[in-house]
């Protein structure tokens, strides 16, 4: 445990860290799947169509195997996800910008 802390500190000091590249977009996720964007994650509690998935992947959202992922994400509220997925084109852009710009409380970090 202490060794990991020292390694992480050295990586930070010597700027060994690199920002991860965006993985390729996968197939449309199933109902109930989790998708992530940077430090945000949302659960798809509403079935999405191919057009919505294409729009989300264009914005940078990706599916992620959460079993192998140790990162912690801020969970987007269900109401916001539902509103985003039911919105029309212009409203969708505005809602997405609000979701991304919102300052999430540390209690939402999972």
Protein backbone atom coordinates (compact mmCIF):
# COMPACT_ATOMS: atom_id res chain seq x y z
CA UNK A 1 0.00 0.00 0.00
CA UNK A 2 2.76 2.45 0.95
CA UNK A 3 4.73 1.41 -2.13
CA UNK A 4 1.76 2.30 -4.35
CA UNK A 5 1.51 5.73 -2.73
CA UNK A 6 5.23 6.34 -3.34
CA UNK A 7 4.97 5.14 -6.97
CA UNK A 8 1.98 7.41 -7.61
CA UNK A 9 3.81 10.37 -6.07
CA UNK A 10 6.88 9.75 -8.23
CA UNK A 11 4.73 9.47 -11.36
CA UNK A 12 3.15 12.80 -10.53
CA UNK A 13 6.46 14.53 -9.71
CA UNK A 14 8.21 13.34 -12.88
CA UNK A 15 5.12 13.89 -15.03
CA UNK A 16 4.99 10.31 -16.21
CA UNK A 17 1.20 10.40 -16.27
CA UNK A 18 -0.45 10.65 -19.66
CA UNK A 19 -4.05 11.46 -20.39
CA UNK A 20 -5.77 8.36 -21.67
CA UNK A 21 -6.95 8.29 -25.24
CA UNK A 22 -10.63 7.91 -25.92
CA UNK A 23 -11.38 4.24 -26.59
CA UNK A 24 -13.23 3.36 -29.78
CA UNK A 25 -16.99 3.47 -29.63
CA UNK A 26 -18.50 0.07 -29.05
CA UNK A 27 -21.91 -1.31 -29.95
CA UNK A 28 -25.07 0.29 -28.61
CA UNK A 29 -25.34 -0.57 -24.91
CA UNK A 30 -28.25 -2.55 -23.54
CA UNK A 31 -30.92 -1.22 -21.22
CA UNK A 32 -29.45 -0.69 -17.74
CA UNK A 33 -25.85 -0.39 -18.93
CA UNK A 34 -23.45 2.19 -17.55
CA UNK A 35 -21.62 4.65 -19.79
CA UNK A 36 -18.85 7.06 -18.80
CA UNK A 37 -17.44 10.41 -19.91
CA UNK A 38 -14.26 11.61 -18.17
CA UNK A 39 -15.24 11.55 -14.47
CA UNK A 40 -19.00 11.14 -15.02
CA UNK A 41 -21.04 7.98 -15.30
CA UNK A 42 -24.68 7.48 -16.10
CA UNK A 43 -26.86 4.43 -16.09
CA UNK A 44 -29.12 4.05 -19.11
CA UNK A 45 -32.47 3.43 -17.44
CA UNK A 46 -34.26 4.35 -20.65
CA UNK A 47 -33.73 2.29 -23.82
CA UNK A 48 -31.83 4.32 -26.42
CA UNK A 49 -31.89 4.07 -30.19
CA UNK A 50 -28.93 4.06 -32.57
CA UNK A 51 -29.23 7.79 -33.28
CA UNK A 52 -28.98 8.63 -29.57
CA UNK A 53 -26.00 6.30 -29.11
CA UNK A 54 -24.25 7.86 -32.10
CA UNK A 55 -24.85 11.32 -30.62
CA UNK A 56 -23.53 10.23 -27.18
CA UNK A 57 -20.40 8.64 -28.68
CA UNK A 58 -19.83 11.81 -30.67
CA UNK A 59 -19.80 13.70 -27.37
CA UNK A 60 -17.27 11.25 -25.90
CA UNK A 61 -19.44 8.85 -23.89
CA UNK A 62 -18.29 5.23 -23.92
CA UNK A 63 -19.33 1.92 -22.43
CA UNK A 64 -16.91 0.56 -19.89
CA UNK A 65 -16.46 -2.77 -18.19
CA UNK A 66 -17.06 -1.60 -14.62
CA UNK A 67 -15.81 -4.88 -13.10
CA UNK A 68 -12.21 -4.19 -14.08
CA UNK A 69 -12.31 -0.45 -13.51
CA UNK A 70 -10.96 0.95 -10.24
CA UNK A 71 -11.66 4.57 -11.06
CA UNK A 72 -14.26 6.54 -9.18
CA UNK A 73 -16.90 8.49 -11.06
CA UNK A 74 -19.53 11.07 -10.26
CA UNK A 75 -22.95 9.57 -10.83
CA UNK A 76 -25.29 11.66 -12.99
CA UNK A 77 -28.77 11.84 -11.38
CA UNK A 78 -31.51 9.69 -12.90
CA UNK A 79 -33.75 12.68 -13.63
CA UNK A 80 -30.99 14.34 -15.65
CA UNK A 81 -30.36 11.15 -17.65
CA UNK A 82 -34.06 10.70 -18.37
CA UNK A 83 -34.48 14.33 -19.44
CA UNK A 84 -31.40 14.12 -21.67
CA UNK A 85 -32.56 10.97 -23.44
CA UNK A 86 -36.10 12.26 -24.00
CA UNK A 87 -35.07 15.75 -25.15
CA UNK A 88 -35.29 17.15 -28.67
CA UNK A 89 -32.07 18.00 -30.54
CA UNK A 90 -31.54 21.62 -29.42
CA UNK A 91 -32.64 20.97 -25.85
CA UNK A 92 -30.40 17.87 -25.73
CA UNK A 93 -27.30 19.96 -26.48
CA UNK A 94 -28.18 22.40 -23.71
CA UNK A 95 -28.92 19.65 -21.17
CA UNK A 96 -25.68 17.86 -22.03
CA UNK A 97 -23.70 21.05 -21.48
CA UNK A 98 -25.40 21.51 -18.09
CA UNK A 99 -24.62 17.93 -17.05
CA UNK A 100 -20.96 18.33 -18.00
CA UNK A 101 -20.56 21.76 -16.37
CA UNK A 102 -22.39 20.89 -13.14
CA UNK A 103 -20.25 20.73 -10.00
CA UNK A 104 -21.03 17.36 -8.47
CA UNK A 105 -21.01 16.80 -4.74
CA UNK A 106 -18.32 14.42 -3.42
CA UNK A 107 -21.13 12.26 -2.00
CA UNK A 108 -21.98 11.31 -5.63
CA UNK A 109 -18.47 9.89 -6.16
CA UNK A 110 -18.76 6.10 -6.65
